[in-house]
Amino acid sequence: MIICLDVGNTNIKYAVYDGDKLILSFRIATEHKKTSDEYGGQLISILENRNIHADDITGGIISSVVPPLDYTLENMCRTYLNIKPLLLAPGLKTGMNLRVDNAKEVGADRVVNNVAAVRKYGYPLIIIDFGTATTFNVIDCKGEFIGGVIAPGIKGSLDSLVNGTAKLPRVEIERPLKVIGKNTVTNMQSGIVYGFSGLVAYIVRKIKQELKDDSVKTVATGGFSEVIASEISSIDYVDKLLTLDGLKYLYDLNSAEA
């Protein structure tokens, strides 16, 4: 069995694969002050609840956009699973050409999403990840990453709205029945859901104009991908396991090369 860790600013997403079959996936909050022992104890408990033993895990891979946790989680894997995980870093084979000004600036999660999406859906593509930030990756007709867009995240925008005002409450991020809200909660939900739907639709349209290709497919992933995809026709696929599937593919690719 292989374990994959996608370390984001808000959550750490885990997946366990037995061969090509996903047998477990879950997420926990990203906490910078947590030790490897705390993360390890939590992981072992979750695995045992699913009748997975630590020695069943024979390999792993970590993608991280939180550098302070890299050593913590690598040490957790060594100590609790007795494996040395691969790290998505320069030198790891991805098969993806990053045709941008500085490839080192591209987040690990974006690289993994690119690799997974091209493998699963072909190209050209636009890949939208609704995470802590909302990122748009553009894959051209040669299968190369040529750049993209980084916009504010949905949850962060809502948090900013709530924290910056005295009377606005924290609300669930879900689609209201109508754009015109009748109370504070539906007013806020409308602004977040329909506002981000408009942002996504407009950026996708502009990207297609620059590519001069209206047939480019769009893949959405991340926690709020389904909410936004239900509102706009420019998203062709929703794939919430895109990043984790990409990590599994990269593990297999680099293990075969070893």
C-alpha atoms as a PDB file:
ATOM      1  CA  MET A   1       0.000   0.000   0.000  1.00  0.00           C
ATOM      2  CA  ILE A   2       1.101   3.544  -0.789  1.00  0.00           C
ATOM      3  CA  ILE A   3       0.269   6.660   1.231  1.00  0.00           C
ATOM      4  CA  CYS A   4       0.013  10.087  -0.392  1.00  0.00           C
ATOM      5  CA  LEU A   5       0.037  13.393   1.503  1.00  0.00           C
ATOM      6  CA  ASP A   6      -1.078  16.662  -0.058  1.00  0.00           C
ATOM      7  CA  VAL A   7      -0.059  19.367   2.423  1.00  0.00           C
ATOM      8  CA  GLY A   8      -1.996  22.594   1.918  1.00  0.00           C
ATOM      9  CA  ASN A   9      -2.221  25.793   3.905  1.00  0.00           C
ATOM     10  CA  THR A  10      -5.600  24.846   5.382  1.00  0.00           C
ATOM     11  CA  ASN A  11      -5.743  21.037   5.290  1.00  0.00           C
ATOM     12  CA  ILE A  12      -3.519  18.006   4.854  1.00  0.00           C
ATOM     13  CA  LYS A  13      -5.179  15.482   2.584  1.00  0.00           C
ATOM     14  CA  TYR A  14      -4.218  11.808   2.916  1.00  0.00           C
ATOM     15  CA  ALA A  15      -4.905   8.903   0.586  1.00  0.00           C
ATOM     16  CA  VAL A  16      -3.992   5.222   0.809  1.00  0.00           C
ATOM     17  CA  TYR A  17      -3.831   3.193  -2.398  1.00  0.00           C
ATOM     18  CA  ASP A  18      -3.669  -0.576  -2.723  1.00  0.00           C
ATOM     19  CA  GLY A  19      -2.299  -0.921  -6.209  1.00  0.00           C
ATOM     20  CA  ASP A  20      -4.401   1.487  -8.273  1.00  0.00           C
ATOM     21  CA  LYS A  21      -7.378   1.220  -5.934  1.00  0.00           C
ATOM     22  CA  LEU A  22      -8.071   4.064  -3.514  1.00  0.00           C
ATOM     23  CA  ILE A  23      -9.036   2.453  -0.208  1.00  0.00           C
ATOM     24  CA  LEU A  24      -8.973   5.434   2.148  1.00  0.00           C
ATOM     25  CA  SER A  25      -8.911   9.218   1.914  1.00  0.00           C
ATOM     26  CA  PHE A  26      -9.367  11.851   4.595  1.00  0.00           C
ATOM     27  CA  ARG A  27      -8.218  15.313   5.603  1.00  0.00           C
ATOM     28  CA  ILE A  28      -7.062  16.953   8.804  1.00  0.00           C
ATOM     29  CA  ALA A  29      -6.358  20.580   9.635  1.00  0.00           C
ATOM     30  CA  THR A  30      -2.876  21.904   8.892  1.00  0.00           C
ATOM     31  CA  GLU A  31      -1.264  22.902  12.189  1.00  0.00           C
ATOM     32  CA  HIS A  32       2.256  24.321  12.090  1.00  0.00           C
ATOM     33  CA  LYS A  33       2.977  23.692  15.779  1.00  0.00           C
ATOM     34  CA  LYS A  34       2.043  20.014  15.733  1.00  0.00           C
ATOM     35  CA  THR A  35       4.923  17.572  16.203  1.00  0.00           C
ATOM     36  CA  SER A  36       5.652  14.494  14.125  1.00  0.00           C
ATOM     37  CA  ASP A  37       4.493  12.398  17.089  1.00  0.00           C
ATOM     38  CA  GLU A  38       1.141  14.193  17.204  1.00  0.00           C
ATOM     39  CA  TYR A  39       0.617  13.797  13.466  1.00  0.00           C
ATOM     40  CA  GLY A  40       1.822  10.191  13.649  1.00  0.00           C
ATOM     41  CA  GLY A  41      -0.457   9.211  16.501  1.00  0.00           C
ATOM     42  CA  GLN A  42      -3.424  10.721  14.713  1.00  0.00           C
ATOM     43  CA  LEU A  43      -2.564   8.922  11.464  1.00  0.00           C
ATOM     44  CA  ILE A  44      -2.070   5.522  13.099  1.00  0.00           C
ATOM     45  CA  SER A  45      -5.401   5.840  14.900  1.00  0.00           C
ATOM     46  CA  ILE A  46      -7.236   6.594  11.643  1.00  0.00           C
ATOM     47  CA  LEU A  47      -5.501   3.731   9.819  1.00  0.00           C
ATOM     48  CA  GLU A  48      -6.274   1.229  12.579  1.00  0.00           C
ATOM     49  CA  ASN A  49      -9.940   2.238  12.506  1.00  0.00           C
ATOM     50  CA  ARG A  50      -9.959   1.030   8.905  1.00  0.00           C
ATOM     51  CA  ASN A  51      -7.999  -2.143   9.751  1.00  0.00           C
ATOM     52  CA  ILE A  52      -4.870  -0.860   8.039  1.00  0.00           C
ATOM     53  CA  HIS A  53      -1.638  -1.577   9.899  1.00  0.00           C
ATOM     54  CA  ALA A  54       1.425   0.633   9.714  1.00  0.00           C
ATOM     55  CA  ASP A  55       3.508  -2.168   8.192  1.00  0.00           C
ATOM     56  CA  ASP A  56       0.975  -2.482   5.366  1.00  0.00           C
ATOM     57  CA  ILE A  57       2.315   0.839   4.043  1.00  0.00           C
ATOM     58  CA  THR A  58       5.376   0.201   1.890  1.00  0.00           C
ATOM     59  CA  GLY A  59       5.927   3.622   0.325  1.00  0.00           C
ATOM     60  CA  GLY A  60       4.737   7.197   0.245  1.00  0.00           C
ATOM     61  CA  ILE A  61       4.961  10.599  -1.380  1.00  0.00           C
ATOM     62  CA  ILE A  62       4.467  14.118  -0.047  1.00  0.00           C
ATOM     63  CA  SER A  63       3.475  17.283  -1.892  1.00  0.00           C
ATOM     64  CA  SER A  64       3.702  20.381   0.297  1.00  0.00           C
ATOM     65  CA  VAL A  65       3.194  24.124   0.014  1.00  0.00           C
ATOM     66  CA  VAL A  66       3.989  24.531   3.740  1.00  0.00           C
ATOM     67  CA  PRO A  67       7.798  24.216   4.023  1.00  0.00           C
ATOM     68  CA  PRO A  68       7.888  24.319   7.874  1.00  0.00           C
ATOM     69  CA  LEU A  69       5.991  21.020   7.933  1.00  0.00           C
ATOM     70  CA  ASP A  70       8.154  19.185   5.397  1.00  0.00           C
ATOM     71  CA  TYR A  71      10.582  17.733   7.942  1.00  0.00           C
ATOM     72  CA  THR A  72       7.810  17.078  10.483  1.00  0.00           C
ATOM     73  CA  LEU A  73       5.776  14.930   8.099  1.00  0.00           C
ATOM     74  CA  GLU A  74       8.799  13.237   6.551  1.00  0.00           C
ATOM     75  CA  ASN A  75       9.959  12.297  10.050  1.00  0.00           C
ATOM     76  CA  MET A  76       6.449  11.072  10.869  1.00  0.00           C
ATOM     77  CA  CYS A  77       6.556   8.708   7.893  1.00  0.00           C
ATOM     78  CA  ARG A  78       9.968   7.368   8.878  1.00  0.00           C
ATOM     79  CA  THR A  79       9.050   6.910  12.541  1.00  0.00           C
ATOM     80  CA  TYR A  80       5.483   5.614  12.355  1.00  0.00           C
ATOM     81  CA  LEU A  81       5.363   3.906   8.961  1.00  0.00           C
ATOM     82  CA  ASN A  82       9.028   2.939   8.591  1.00  0.00           C
ATOM     83  CA  ILE A  83       9.180   4.420   5.089  1.00  0.00           C
ATOM     84  CA  LYS A  84      11.202   7.202   3.483  1.00  0.00           C
ATOM     85  CA  PRO A  85       8.638   9.157   1.463  1.00  0.00           C
ATOM     86  CA  LEU A  86       9.365  10.798  -1.864  1.00  0.00           C
ATOM     87  CA  LEU A  87       9.123  14.586  -1.748  1.00  0.00           C
ATOM     88  CA  LEU A  88       7.766  16.570  -4.671  1.00  0.00           C
ATOM     89  CA  ALA A  89      10.807  18.789  -5.197  1.00  0.00           C
ATOM     90  CA  PRO A  90      13.256  19.669  -7.971  1.00  0.00           C
ATOM     91  CA  GLY A  91      14.766  16.468  -9.263  1.00  0.00           C
ATOM     92  CA  LEU A  92      11.608  14.385  -8.992  1.00  0.00           C
ATOM     93  CA  LYS A  93      10.465  13.249 -12.429  1.00  0.00           C
ATOM     94  CA  THR A  94       7.070  14.651 -13.435  1.00  0.00           C
ATOM     95  CA  GLY A  95       7.080  14.453 -17.232  1.00  0.00           C
ATOM     96  CA  MET A  96       5.623  17.983 -17.274  1.00  0.00           C
ATOM     97  CA  ASN A  97       7.376  20.892 -18.990  1.00  0.00           C
ATOM     98  CA  LEU A  98       6.838  24.132 -17.033  1.00  0.00           C
ATOM     99  CA  ARG A  99       7.114  26.855 -19.662  1.00  0.00           C
ATOM    100  CA  VAL A 100       7.030  29.809 -17.251  1.00  0.00           C
ATOM    101  CA  ASP A 101       9.506  32.493 -16.162  1.00  0.00           C
ATOM    102  CA  ASN A 102      10.654  30.634 -13.035  1.00  0.00           C
ATOM    103  CA  ALA A 103       9.630  26.994 -12.626  1.00  0.00           C
ATOM    104  CA  LYS A 104      10.764  27.049  -8.970  1.00  0.00           C
ATOM    105  CA  GLU A 105       7.922  29.467  -8.170  1.00  0.00           C
ATOM    106  CA  VAL A 106       5.238  26.993  -9.225  1.00  0.00           C
ATOM    107  CA  GLY A 107       3.584  25.396  -6.186  1.00  0.00           C
ATOM    108  CA  ALA A 108       3.895  21.647  -5.751  1.00  0.00           C
ATOM    109  CA  ASP A 109       0.122  21.239  -5.716  1.00  0.00           C
ATOM    110  CA  ARG A 110      -0.173  22.955  -9.088  1.00  0.00           C
ATOM    111  CA  VAL A 111       2.460  20.663 -10.606  1.00  0.00           C
ATOM    112  CA  VAL A 112       0.658  17.565  -9.325  1.00  0.00           C
ATOM    113  CA  ASN A 113      -2.700  18.812 -10.616  1.00  0.00           C
ATOM    114  CA  ASN A 114      -1.176  19.460 -14.038  1.00  0.00           C
ATOM    115  CA  VAL A 115       0.318  15.981 -14.261  1.00  0.00           C
ATOM    116  CA  ALA A 116      -2.868  14.264 -13.088  1.00  0.00           C
ATOM    117  CA  ALA A 117      -5.208  16.268 -15.309  1.00  0.00           C
ATOM    118  CA  VAL A 118      -3.165  15.738 -18.475  1.00  0.00           C
ATOM    119  CA  ARG A 119      -2.984  12.011 -17.778  1.00  0.00           C
ATOM    120  CA  LYS A 120      -6.724  11.698 -17.076  1.00  0.00           C
ATOM    121  CA  TYR A 121      -8.247  14.239 -19.483  1.00  0.00           C
ATOM    122  CA  GLY A 122      -5.672  14.997 -22.175  1.00  0.00           C
ATOM    123  CA  TYR A 123      -4.945  18.556 -23.320  1.00  0.00           C
ATOM    124  CA  PRO A 124      -5.306  21.487 -23.860  1.00  0.00           C
ATOM    125  CA  LEU A 125      -6.807  22.110 -20.439  1.00  0.00           C
ATOM    126  CA  ILE A 126      -7.648  24.670 -17.795  1.00  0.00           C
ATOM    127  CA  ILE A 127      -7.333  23.264 -14.262  1.00  0.00           C
ATOM    128  CA  ILE A 128      -9.043  25.185 -11.451  1.00  0.00           C
ATOM    129  CA  ASP A 129      -8.237  24.346  -7.835  1.00  0.00           C
ATOM    130  CA  PHE A 130     -10.598  25.795  -5.239  1.00  0.00           C
ATOM    131  CA  GLY A 131      -8.244  25.678  -2.280  1.00  0.00           C
ATOM    132  CA  THR A 132      -6.881  28.270   0.128  1.00  0.00           C
ATOM    133  CA  ALA A 133      -6.251  30.226  -3.062  1.00  0.00           C
ATOM    134  CA  THR A 134      -8.193  29.749  -6.292  1.00  0.00           C
ATOM    135  CA  THR A 135      -5.651  28.769  -8.941  1.00  0.00           C
ATOM    136  CA  PHE A 136      -6.067  28.419 -12.693  1.00  0.00           C
ATOM    137  CA  ASN A 137      -3.469  26.325 -14.542  1.00  0.00           C
ATOM    138  CA  VAL A 138      -3.284  26.442 -18.330  1.00  0.00           C
ATOM    139  CA  ILE A 139      -2.003  23.463 -20.330  1.00  0.00           C
ATOM    140  CA  ASP A 140      -1.471  24.208 -24.017  1.00  0.00           C
ATOM    141  CA  CYS A 141      -1.949  22.024 -27.083  1.00  0.00           C
ATOM    142  CA  LYS A 142       1.549  20.562 -26.570  1.00  0.00           C
ATOM    143  CA  GLY A 143       0.758  19.391 -23.048  1.00  0.00           C
ATOM    144  CA  GLU A 144       2.952  22.069 -21.461  1.00  0.00           C
ATOM    145  CA  PHE A 145       2.111  24.265 -18.475  1.00  0.00           C
ATOM    146  CA  ILE A 146       2.274  27.830 -19.805  1.00  0.00           C
ATOM    147  CA  GLY A 147       1.071  29.774 -16.768  1.00  0.00           C
ATOM    148  CA  GLY A 148      -2.174  30.694 -15.120  1.00  0.00           C
ATOM    149  CA  VAL A 149      -3.963  32.819 -12.556  1.00  0.00           C
ATOM    150  CA  ILE A 150      -3.981  33.005  -8.753  1.00  0.00           C
ATOM    151  CA  ALA A 151      -7.107  34.536  -7.199  1.00  0.00           C
ATOM    152  CA  PRO A 152      -8.326  34.725  -3.590  1.00  0.00           C
ATOM    153  CA  GLY A 153      -9.781  31.570  -2.096  1.00  0.00           C
ATOM    154  CA  ILE A 154     -13.487  31.236  -1.364  1.00  0.00           C
ATOM    155  CA  LYS A 155     -13.153  30.487   2.348  1.00  0.00           C
ATOM    156  CA  GLY A 156     -10.495  33.160   2.838  1.00  0.00           C
ATOM    157  CA  SER A 157     -12.703  35.741   1.164  1.00  0.00           C
ATOM    158  CA  LEU A 158     -15.593  34.840   3.450  1.00  0.00           C
ATOM    159  CA  ASP A 159     -13.323  34.957   6.506  1.00  0.00           C
ATOM    160  CA  SER A 160     -12.089  38.399   5.466  1.00  0.00           C
ATOM    161  CA  LEU A 161     -15.664  39.621   5.074  1.00  0.00           C
ATOM    162  CA  VAL A 162     -16.690  38.315   8.501  1.00  0.00           C
ATOM    163  CA  ASN A 163     -13.556  39.434  10.337  1.00  0.00           C
ATOM    164  CA  GLY A 164     -13.612  42.886   8.766  1.00  0.00           C
ATOM    165  CA  THR A 165     -17.185  43.712   9.753  1.00  0.00           C
ATOM    166  CA  ALA A 166     -18.881  43.966  13.129  1.00  0.00           C
ATOM    167  CA  LYS A 167     -22.257  42.416  12.415  1.00  0.00           C
ATOM    168  CA  LEU A 168     -21.876  39.917   9.583  1.00  0.00           C
ATOM    169  CA  PRO A 169     -22.121  36.294  10.777  1.00  0.00           C
ATOM    170  CA  ARG A 170     -20.120  33.278   9.682  1.00  0.00           C
ATOM    171  CA  VAL A 171     -22.244  31.308   7.204  1.00  0.00           C
ATOM    172  CA  GLU A 172     -22.118  27.997   5.381  1.00  0.00           C
ATOM    173  CA  ILE A 173     -20.792  28.233   1.839  1.00  0.00           C
ATOM    174  CA  GLU A 174     -23.706  26.910  -0.169  1.00  0.00           C
ATOM    175  CA  ARG A 175     -25.800  28.081  -3.092  1.00  0.00           C
ATOM    176  CA  PRO A 176     -28.867  30.118  -2.164  1.00  0.00           C
ATOM    177  CA  LEU A 177     -32.021  29.602  -4.207  1.00  0.00           C
ATOM    178  CA  LYS A 178     -31.938  33.122  -5.641  1.00  0.00           C
ATOM    179  CA  VAL A 179     -29.343  35.784  -6.317  1.00  0.00           C
ATOM    180  CA  ILE A 180     -31.418  38.385  -4.470  1.00  0.00           C
ATOM    181  CA  GLY A 181     -31.130  37.415  -0.819  1.00  0.00           C
ATOM    182  CA  LYS A 182     -33.912  38.131   1.658  1.00  0.00           C
ATOM    183  CA  ASN A 183     -31.716  38.081   4.776  1.00  0.00           C
ATOM    184  CA  THR A 184     -28.097  38.601   5.780  1.00  0.00           C
ATOM    185  CA  VAL A 185     -27.159  34.926   5.434  1.00  0.00           C
ATOM    186  CA  THR A 186     -28.526  34.504   1.898  1.00  0.00           C
ATOM    187  CA  ASN A 187     -27.094  37.918   0.919  1.00  0.00           C
ATOM    188  CA  MET A 188     -23.634  36.698   1.922  1.00  0.00           C
ATOM    189  CA  GLN A 189     -24.048  33.270   0.328  1.00  0.00           C
ATOM    190  CA  SER A 190     -25.157  34.918  -2.890  1.00  0.00           C
ATOM    191  CA  GLY A 191     -22.130  37.207  -2.922  1.00  0.00           C
ATOM    192  CA  ILE A 192     -19.705  34.361  -2.324  1.00  0.00           C
ATOM    193  CA  VAL A 193     -21.181  31.661  -4.577  1.00  0.00           C
ATOM    194  CA  TYR A 194     -22.455  33.766  -7.471  1.00  0.00           C
ATOM    195  CA  GLY A 195     -19.560  36.207  -7.151  1.00  0.00           C
ATOM    196  CA  PHE A 196     -16.961  33.454  -7.496  1.00  0.00           C
ATOM    197  CA  SER A 197     -18.984  31.787 -10.245  1.00  0.00           C
ATOM    198  CA  GLY A 198     -18.767  35.041 -12.196  1.00  0.00           C
ATOM    199  CA  LEU A 199     -15.035  35.344 -11.481  1.00  0.00           C
ATOM    200  CA  VAL A 200     -14.384  31.797 -12.699  1.00  0.00           C
ATOM    201  CA  ALA A 201     -16.553  32.090 -15.810  1.00  0.00           C
ATOM    202  CA  TYR A 202     -14.901  35.373 -16.817  1.00  0.00           C
ATOM    203  CA  ILE A 203     -11.321  34.170 -16.290  1.00  0.00           C
ATOM    204  CA  VAL A 204     -11.991  30.932 -18.172  1.00  0.00           C
ATOM    205  CA  ARG A 205     -13.458  32.930 -21.056  1.00  0.00           C
ATOM    206  CA  LYS A 206     -10.428  35.263 -21.152  1.00  0.00           C
ATOM    207  CA  ILE A 207      -8.009  32.320 -21.106  1.00  0.00           C
ATOM    208  CA  LYS A 208      -9.811  30.689 -24.023  1.00  0.00           C
ATOM    209  CA  GLN A 209      -9.659  33.978 -25.923  1.00  0.00           C
ATOM    210  CA  GLU A 210      -5.885  34.196 -25.396  1.00  0.00           C
ATOM    211  CA  LEU A 211      -5.458  30.573 -26.460  1.00  0.00           C
ATOM    212  CA  LYS A 212      -7.762  31.220 -29.439  1.00  0.00           C
ATOM    213  CA  ASP A 213      -9.454  27.912 -28.709  1.00  0.00           C
ATOM    214  CA  ASP A 214     -13.011  27.612 -27.368  1.00  0.00           C
ATOM    215  CA  SER A 215     -12.742  23.817 -27.208  1.00  0.00           C
ATOM    216  CA  VAL A 216     -10.314  23.812 -24.247  1.00  0.00           C
ATOM    217  CA  LYS A 217     -11.698  21.571 -21.493  1.00  0.00           C
ATOM    218  CA  THR A 218     -11.886  22.774 -17.895  1.00  0.00           C
ATOM    219  CA  VAL A 219     -11.303  20.561 -14.838  1.00  0.00           C
ATOM    220  CA  ALA A 220     -12.183  21.718 -11.321  1.00  0.00           C
ATOM    221  CA  THR A 221     -10.901  20.278  -8.057  1.00  0.00           C
ATOM    222  CA  GLY A 222     -10.803  21.310  -4.410  1.00  0.00           C
ATOM    223  CA  GLY A 223     -13.338  21.645  -1.636  1.00  0.00           C
ATOM    224  CA  PHE A 224     -15.776  24.049  -3.285  1.00  0.00           C
ATOM    225  CA  SER A 225     -15.454  22.823  -6.857  1.00  0.00           C
ATOM    226  CA  GLU A 226     -18.921  21.220  -6.920  1.00  0.00           C
ATOM    227  CA  VAL A 227     -20.644  24.343  -5.589  1.00  0.00           C
ATOM    228  CA  ILE A 228     -19.175  26.566  -8.308  1.00  0.00           C
ATOM    229  CA  ALA A 229     -19.402  23.966 -11.086  1.00  0.00           C
ATOM    230  CA  SER A 230     -23.137  23.661 -10.521  1.00  0.00           C
ATOM    231  CA  GLU A 231     -23.512  27.320 -11.495  1.00  0.00           C
ATOM    232  CA  ILE A 232     -21.465  27.652 -14.667  1.00  0.00           C
ATOM    233  CA  SER A 233     -21.283  25.657 -17.862  1.00  0.00           C
ATOM    234  CA  SER A 234     -17.602  26.370 -18.503  1.00  0.00           C
ATOM    235  CA  ILE A 235     -16.470  23.629 -16.079  1.00  0.00           C
ATOM    236  CA  ASP A 236     -16.502  20.285 -17.875  1.00  0.00           C
ATOM    237  CA  TYR A 237     -15.257  17.952 -15.142  1.00  0.00           C
ATOM    238  CA  VAL A 238     -15.188  17.977 -11.335  1.00  0.00           C
ATOM    239  CA  ASP A 239     -12.462  15.741  -9.883  1.00  0.00           C
ATOM    240  CA  LYS A 240     -11.968  16.126  -6.142  1.00  0.00           C
ATOM    241  CA  LEU A 241      -9.286  13.409  -6.056  1.00  0.00           C
ATOM    242  CA  LEU A 242      -7.186  14.984  -8.799  1.00  0.00           C
ATOM    243  CA  THR A 243      -4.212  15.942  -6.606  1.00  0.00           C
ATOM    244  CA  LEU A 244      -4.061  12.650  -4.714  1.00  0.00           C
ATOM    245  CA  ASP A 245      -4.361  10.615  -7.923  1.00  0.00           C
ATOM    246  CA  GLY A 246      -1.532  12.719  -9.344  1.00  0.00           C
ATOM    247  CA  LEU A 247       0.669  11.964  -6.357  1.00  0.00           C
ATOM    248  CA  LYS A 248       0.052   8.230  -6.748  1.00  0.00           C
ATOM    249  CA  TYR A 249       0.984   8.466 -10.428  1.00  0.00           C
ATOM    250  CA  LEU A 250       4.195  10.377  -9.615  1.00  0.00           C
ATOM    251  CA  TYR A 251       5.111   7.820  -6.967  1.00  0.00           C
ATOM    252  CA  ASP A 252       4.732   5.015  -9.512  1.00  0.00           C
ATOM    253  CA  LEU A 253       6.640   6.977 -12.152  1.00  0.00           C
ATOM    254  CA  ASN A 254       9.617   7.682  -9.906  1.00  0.00           C
ATOM    255  CA  SER A 255       9.640   4.217  -8.337  1.00  0.00           C
ATOM    256  CA  ALA A 256       9.843   2.705 -11.796  1.00  0.00           C
ATOM    257  CA  GLU A 257      12.774   5.009 -12.601  1.00  0.00           C
ATOM    258  CA  ALA A 258      14.648   4.081  -9.402  1.00  0.00           C
END
